[in-house]
Amino acid sequence: MKSIALILMFSAGLVSAQETLQLAEGQSSPKANLEEVSWIEGHWTGEAFGGIAEEIWSAPLGNSMMFVFRMVNDDKVSFYESGHIQQLDESLILQLKHFDGNMRGWEEKNETIDFKLVKLEPNKVYFEGLTMEKISDDQMNIWVLIEDEGKTDEVLFAYTKAK
């Protein structure tokens, strides 16, 4: 499962995609604040990679919105993610870490996968290689640029808010 995991940012800058964007070389992230992405808050579920994907996002507090993610295949957790969108200076950054089903970390202890803010629209936020879009109060799409065996694809996570 690690081969299809979200270990993606290392060559993503060289790839053109439909729904995800990259900062141009030397370009800075735009000004933004957490209130502009507070619509992400909630408990979201959907299907991906032949299983069930689940994300739970907190409301903005302490200059961050934290989240947890789990991927379940064949009634077994394939992997977890934990992370946040953090207010950093006058912009936002999404950072995460991966863990296998037994909570063993994939990244080194002090490393994170970082997604810098590229662009912000009223119901859509573009981080480098990751785009989140509010479809309705109960639906959200997330596109992630994923590298697997030298091939790069955008993967859609179509979420519905859990009741």
C-alpha atoms as a PDB file:
ATOM      1  CA  MET A   1       0.000   0.000   0.000  1.00  0.00           C
ATOM      2  CA  LYS A   2       2.939   2.321   0.583  1.00  0.00           C
ATOM      3  CA  SER A   3       3.616   2.365  -3.156  1.00  0.00           C
ATOM      4  CA  ILE A   4       0.267   4.094  -3.777  1.00  0.00           C
ATOM      5  CA  ALA A   5       0.458   6.255  -0.696  1.00  0.00           C
ATOM      6  CA  LEU A   6       0.524   9.979  -0.695  1.00  0.00           C
ATOM      7  CA  ILE A   7       4.281  10.274  -1.040  1.00  0.00           C
ATOM      8  CA  LEU A   8       3.990  12.671  -3.869  1.00  0.00           C
ATOM      9  CA  MET A   9       5.544  16.057  -3.634  1.00  0.00           C
ATOM     10  CA  PHE A  10       9.082  15.249  -4.684  1.00  0.00           C
ATOM     11  CA  SER A  11       8.506  15.358  -8.429  1.00  0.00           C
ATOM     12  CA  ALA A  12       5.056  16.927  -8.536  1.00  0.00           C
ATOM     13  CA  GLY A  13       6.450  20.278  -9.613  1.00  0.00           C
ATOM     14  CA  LEU A  14       7.396  18.790 -12.977  1.00  0.00           C
ATOM     15  CA  VAL A  15       3.894  17.531 -13.750  1.00  0.00           C
ATOM     16  CA  SER A  16       0.938  19.284 -15.326  1.00  0.00           C
ATOM     17  CA  ALA A  17      -2.480  18.252 -14.014  1.00  0.00           C
ATOM     18  CA  GLN A  18      -6.162  19.143 -14.374  1.00  0.00           C
ATOM     19  CA  GLU A  19      -7.273  19.964 -10.817  1.00  0.00           C
ATOM     20  CA  THR A  20      -4.053  20.510  -8.872  1.00  0.00           C
ATOM     21  CA  LEU A  21      -1.632  23.415  -9.169  1.00  0.00           C
ATOM     22  CA  GLN A  22       1.983  24.213  -8.330  1.00  0.00           C
ATOM     23  CA  LEU A  23       3.659  27.469  -7.375  1.00  0.00           C
ATOM     24  CA  ALA A  24       5.913  28.817 -10.100  1.00  0.00           C
ATOM     25  CA  GLU A  25       9.589  28.934  -9.210  1.00  0.00           C
ATOM     26  CA  GLY A  26      10.178  31.917  -6.916  1.00  0.00           C
ATOM     27  CA  GLN A  27       6.439  32.470  -6.407  1.00  0.00           C
ATOM     28  CA  SER A  28       5.226  32.989  -2.824  1.00  0.00           C
ATOM     29  CA  SER A  29       2.013  31.692  -1.308  1.00  0.00           C
ATOM     30  CA  PRO A  30      -0.827  34.245  -1.318  1.00  0.00           C
ATOM     31  CA  LYS A  31      -2.228  35.849   1.819  1.00  0.00           C
ATOM     32  CA  ALA A  32      -4.967  33.745   3.434  1.00  0.00           C
ATOM     33  CA  ASN A  33      -6.412  32.828   6.814  1.00  0.00           C
ATOM     34  CA  LEU A  34      -8.059  29.770   8.327  1.00  0.00           C
ATOM     35  CA  GLU A  35     -11.540  31.292   8.362  1.00  0.00           C
ATOM     36  CA  GLU A  36     -11.438  31.232   4.559  1.00  0.00           C
ATOM     37  CA  VAL A  37     -11.129  27.413   4.601  1.00  0.00           C
ATOM     38  CA  SER A  38     -13.248  26.699   7.698  1.00  0.00           C
ATOM     39  CA  TRP A  39     -15.820  24.991   5.416  1.00  0.00           C
ATOM     40  CA  ILE A  40     -13.482  21.958   5.468  1.00  0.00           C
ATOM     41  CA  GLU A  41     -14.470  21.232   9.090  1.00  0.00           C
ATOM     42  CA  GLY A  42     -16.385  17.990   9.562  1.00  0.00           C
ATOM     43  CA  HIS A  43     -16.401  14.222   9.359  1.00  0.00           C
ATOM     44  CA  TRP A  44     -16.084  13.099   5.726  1.00  0.00           C
ATOM     45  CA  THR A  45     -16.260   9.625   4.130  1.00  0.00           C
ATOM     46  CA  GLY A  46     -15.864   8.307   0.600  1.00  0.00           C
ATOM     47  CA  GLU A  47     -14.323   5.595  -1.555  1.00  0.00           C
ATOM     48  CA  ALA A  48     -10.769   5.478  -2.907  1.00  0.00           C
ATOM     49  CA  PHE A  49      -8.159   2.848  -3.767  1.00  0.00           C
ATOM     50  CA  GLY A  50     -10.846   0.139  -3.603  1.00  0.00           C
ATOM     51  CA  GLY A  51     -11.731   0.907   0.014  1.00  0.00           C
ATOM     52  CA  ILE A  52     -13.239   3.423   2.397  1.00  0.00           C
ATOM     53  CA  ALA A  53     -11.491   6.755   3.032  1.00  0.00           C
ATOM     54  CA  GLU A  54     -12.369   8.796   6.107  1.00  0.00           C
ATOM     55  CA  GLU A  55     -11.228  12.291   7.176  1.00  0.00           C
ATOM     56  CA  ILE A  56     -12.143  14.230  10.286  1.00  0.00           C
ATOM     57  CA  TRP A  57     -11.299  17.967  10.349  1.00  0.00           C
ATOM     58  CA  SER A  58     -11.521  20.259  13.375  1.00  0.00           C
ATOM     59  CA  ALA A  59     -12.639  23.869  13.418  1.00  0.00           C
ATOM     60  CA  PRO A  60      -9.925  26.554  13.368  1.00  0.00           C
ATOM     61  CA  LEU A  61      -8.309  26.927  16.796  1.00  0.00           C
ATOM     62  CA  GLY A  62      -4.795  27.900  17.845  1.00  0.00           C
ATOM     63  CA  ASN A  63      -3.804  28.930  14.306  1.00  0.00           C
ATOM     64  CA  SER A  64      -4.560  25.470  12.900  1.00  0.00           C
ATOM     65  CA  MET A  65      -7.206  23.048  11.693  1.00  0.00           C
ATOM     66  CA  MET A  66      -6.142  19.514  12.586  1.00  0.00           C
ATOM     67  CA  PHE A  67      -7.192  16.345  10.800  1.00  0.00           C
ATOM     68  CA  VAL A  68      -6.933  12.580  10.893  1.00  0.00           C
ATOM     69  CA  PHE A  69      -7.394  10.247   7.923  1.00  0.00           C
ATOM     70  CA  ARG A  70      -7.685   6.495   7.579  1.00  0.00           C
ATOM     71  CA  MET A  71      -7.857   4.214   4.574  1.00  0.00           C
ATOM     72  CA  VAL A  72      -9.677   0.914   5.111  1.00  0.00           C
ATOM     73  CA  ASN A  73      -9.385  -1.975   2.650  1.00  0.00           C
ATOM     74  CA  ASP A  74     -10.966  -5.395   3.258  1.00  0.00           C
ATOM     75  CA  ASP A  75     -12.035  -4.327   6.788  1.00  0.00           C
ATOM     76  CA  LYS A  76      -8.435  -3.519   7.741  1.00  0.00           C
ATOM     77  CA  VAL A  77      -6.687  -0.152   8.077  1.00  0.00           C
ATOM     78  CA  SER A  78      -4.142   0.237   5.271  1.00  0.00           C
ATOM     79  CA  PHE A  79      -2.727   3.542   6.506  1.00  0.00           C
ATOM     80  CA  TYR A  80      -3.410   6.658   8.546  1.00  0.00           C
ATOM     81  CA  GLU A  81      -2.507  10.308   8.153  1.00  0.00           C
ATOM     82  CA  SER A  82      -2.399  13.012  10.765  1.00  0.00           C
ATOM     83  CA  GLY A  83      -1.859  16.662  10.040  1.00  0.00           C
ATOM     84  CA  HIS A  84      -3.110  20.208   9.932  1.00  0.00           C
ATOM     85  CA  ILE A  85      -3.643  23.328   7.923  1.00  0.00           C
ATOM     86  CA  GLN A  86      -1.603  25.892   9.789  1.00  0.00           C
ATOM     87  CA  GLN A  87      -1.667  29.677   9.671  1.00  0.00           C
ATOM     88  CA  LEU A  88       1.946  30.470   8.809  1.00  0.00           C
ATOM     89  CA  ASP A  89       2.811  34.155   8.707  1.00  0.00           C
ATOM     90  CA  GLU A  90       0.091  35.600   6.461  1.00  0.00           C
ATOM     91  CA  SER A  91      -0.652  32.406   4.505  1.00  0.00           C
ATOM     92  CA  LEU A  92      -1.571  28.742   4.982  1.00  0.00           C
ATOM     93  CA  ILE A  93       0.307  25.457   4.713  1.00  0.00           C
ATOM     94  CA  LEU A  94      -1.038  21.894   4.865  1.00  0.00           C
ATOM     95  CA  GLN A  95       1.346  19.441   6.569  1.00  0.00           C
ATOM     96  CA  LEU A  96       0.891  15.729   7.217  1.00  0.00           C
ATOM     97  CA  LYS A  97       2.573  12.523   8.314  1.00  0.00           C
ATOM     98  CA  HIS A  98       1.709   8.948   7.290  1.00  0.00           C
ATOM     99  CA  PHE A  99       1.455   5.856   9.499  1.00  0.00           C
ATOM    100  CA  ASP A 100       0.856   2.221   8.623  1.00  0.00           C
ATOM    101  CA  GLY A 101      -2.046   0.279  10.136  1.00  0.00           C
ATOM    102  CA  ASN A 102       0.037  -0.362  13.264  1.00  0.00           C
ATOM    103  CA  MET A 103       0.899   3.342  13.695  1.00  0.00           C
ATOM    104  CA  ARG A 104       4.504   3.033  12.498  1.00  0.00           C
ATOM    105  CA  GLY A 105       5.512   6.293  10.845  1.00  0.00           C
ATOM    106  CA  TRP A 106       6.569   6.426   7.217  1.00  0.00           C
ATOM    107  CA  GLU A 107       8.390   9.764   7.277  1.00  0.00           C
ATOM    108  CA  GLU A 108      11.446  10.384   9.410  1.00  0.00           C
ATOM    109  CA  LYS A 109      10.734  11.672  12.919  1.00  0.00           C
ATOM    110  CA  ASN A 110      11.188  15.383  12.122  1.00  0.00           C
ATOM    111  CA  GLU A 111       9.910  15.288   8.516  1.00  0.00           C
ATOM    112  CA  THR A 112       6.469  16.196   7.189  1.00  0.00           C
ATOM    113  CA  ILE A 113       4.903  16.240   3.752  1.00  0.00           C
ATOM    114  CA  ASP A 114       4.231  19.931   3.088  1.00  0.00           C
ATOM    115  CA  PHE A 115       1.710  21.458   0.688  1.00  0.00           C
ATOM    116  CA  LYS A 116       2.163  25.224   0.245  1.00  0.00           C
ATOM    117  CA  LEU A 117      -0.867  27.351  -0.589  1.00  0.00           C
ATOM    118  CA  VAL A 118      -1.081  28.229  -4.295  1.00  0.00           C
ATOM    119  CA  LYS A 119      -4.493  29.853  -4.697  1.00  0.00           C
ATOM    120  CA  LEU A 120      -7.703  30.419  -2.745  1.00  0.00           C
ATOM    121  CA  GLU A 121     -11.232  30.775  -4.113  1.00  0.00           C
ATOM    122  CA  PRO A 122     -14.483  31.033  -2.084  1.00  0.00           C
ATOM    123  CA  ASN A 123     -15.195  27.260  -2.199  1.00  0.00           C
ATOM    124  CA  LYS A 124     -11.872  25.902  -3.427  1.00  0.00           C
ATOM    125  CA  VAL A 125      -8.367  25.880  -1.995  1.00  0.00           C
ATOM    126  CA  TYR A 126      -5.303  24.894  -4.026  1.00  0.00           C
ATOM    127  CA  PHE A 127      -2.223  23.646  -2.223  1.00  0.00           C
ATOM    128  CA  GLU A 128       0.755  22.345  -4.214  1.00  0.00           C
ATOM    129  CA  GLY A 129      -0.426  18.967  -5.493  1.00  0.00           C
ATOM    130  CA  LEU A 130      -3.644  18.934  -3.428  1.00  0.00           C
ATOM    131  CA  THR A 131      -6.947  20.708  -4.115  1.00  0.00           C
ATOM    132  CA  MET A 132     -10.024  20.798  -1.878  1.00  0.00           C
ATOM    133  CA  GLU A 133     -13.410  21.906  -3.215  1.00  0.00           C
ATOM    134  CA  LYS A 134     -16.699  22.431  -1.397  1.00  0.00           C
ATOM    135  CA  ILE A 135     -19.431  21.063  -3.652  1.00  0.00           C
ATOM    136  CA  SER A 136     -22.221  21.607  -1.102  1.00  0.00           C
ATOM    137  CA  ASP A 137     -22.567  21.655   2.678  1.00  0.00           C
ATOM    138  CA  ASP A 138     -22.554  17.831   2.515  1.00  0.00           C
ATOM    139  CA  GLN A 139     -20.079  17.145  -0.305  1.00  0.00           C
ATOM    140  CA  MET A 140     -16.380  17.877  -0.754  1.00  0.00           C
ATOM    141  CA  ASN A 141     -13.897  16.749  -3.413  1.00  0.00           C
ATOM    142  CA  ILE A 142     -10.184  16.434  -2.785  1.00  0.00           C
ATOM    143  CA  TRP A 143      -7.755  15.833  -5.650  1.00  0.00           C
ATOM    144  CA  VAL A 144      -4.268  14.647  -4.751  1.00  0.00           C
ATOM    145  CA  LEU A 145      -1.326  14.340  -7.101  1.00  0.00           C
ATOM    146  CA  ILE A 146       0.172  10.908  -6.408  1.00  0.00           C
ATOM    147  CA  GLU A 147       3.345   9.330  -7.731  1.00  0.00           C
ATOM    148  CA  ASP A 148       3.415   5.561  -8.075  1.00  0.00           C
ATOM    149  CA  GLU A 149       6.310   3.738  -9.765  1.00  0.00           C
ATOM    150  CA  GLY A 150       7.378   6.824 -11.729  1.00  0.00           C
ATOM    151  CA  LYS A 151       3.859   7.582 -12.935  1.00  0.00           C
ATOM    152  CA  THR A 152       1.963  10.610 -11.630  1.00  0.00           C
ATOM    153  CA  ASP A 153      -1.840  10.772 -11.460  1.00  0.00           C
ATOM    154  CA  GLU A 154      -4.474  12.886  -9.792  1.00  0.00           C
ATOM    155  CA  VAL A 155      -6.654  10.838  -7.483  1.00  0.00           C
ATOM    156  CA  LEU A 156     -10.143  12.071  -6.588  1.00  0.00           C
ATOM    157  CA  PHE A 157     -11.511  11.567  -3.090  1.00  0.00           C
ATOM    158  CA  ALA A 158     -15.247  12.344  -3.402  1.00  0.00           C
ATOM    159  CA  TYR A 159     -16.467  12.816   0.155  1.00  0.00           C
ATOM    160  CA  THR A 160     -19.871  13.024   1.760  1.00  0.00           C
ATOM    161  CA  LYS A 161     -20.309  14.494   5.227  1.00  0.00           C
ATOM    162  CA  ALA A 162     -21.056  11.754   7.762  1.00  0.00           C
ATOM    163  CA  LYS A 163     -24.314  12.230   9.649  1.00  0.00           C
END
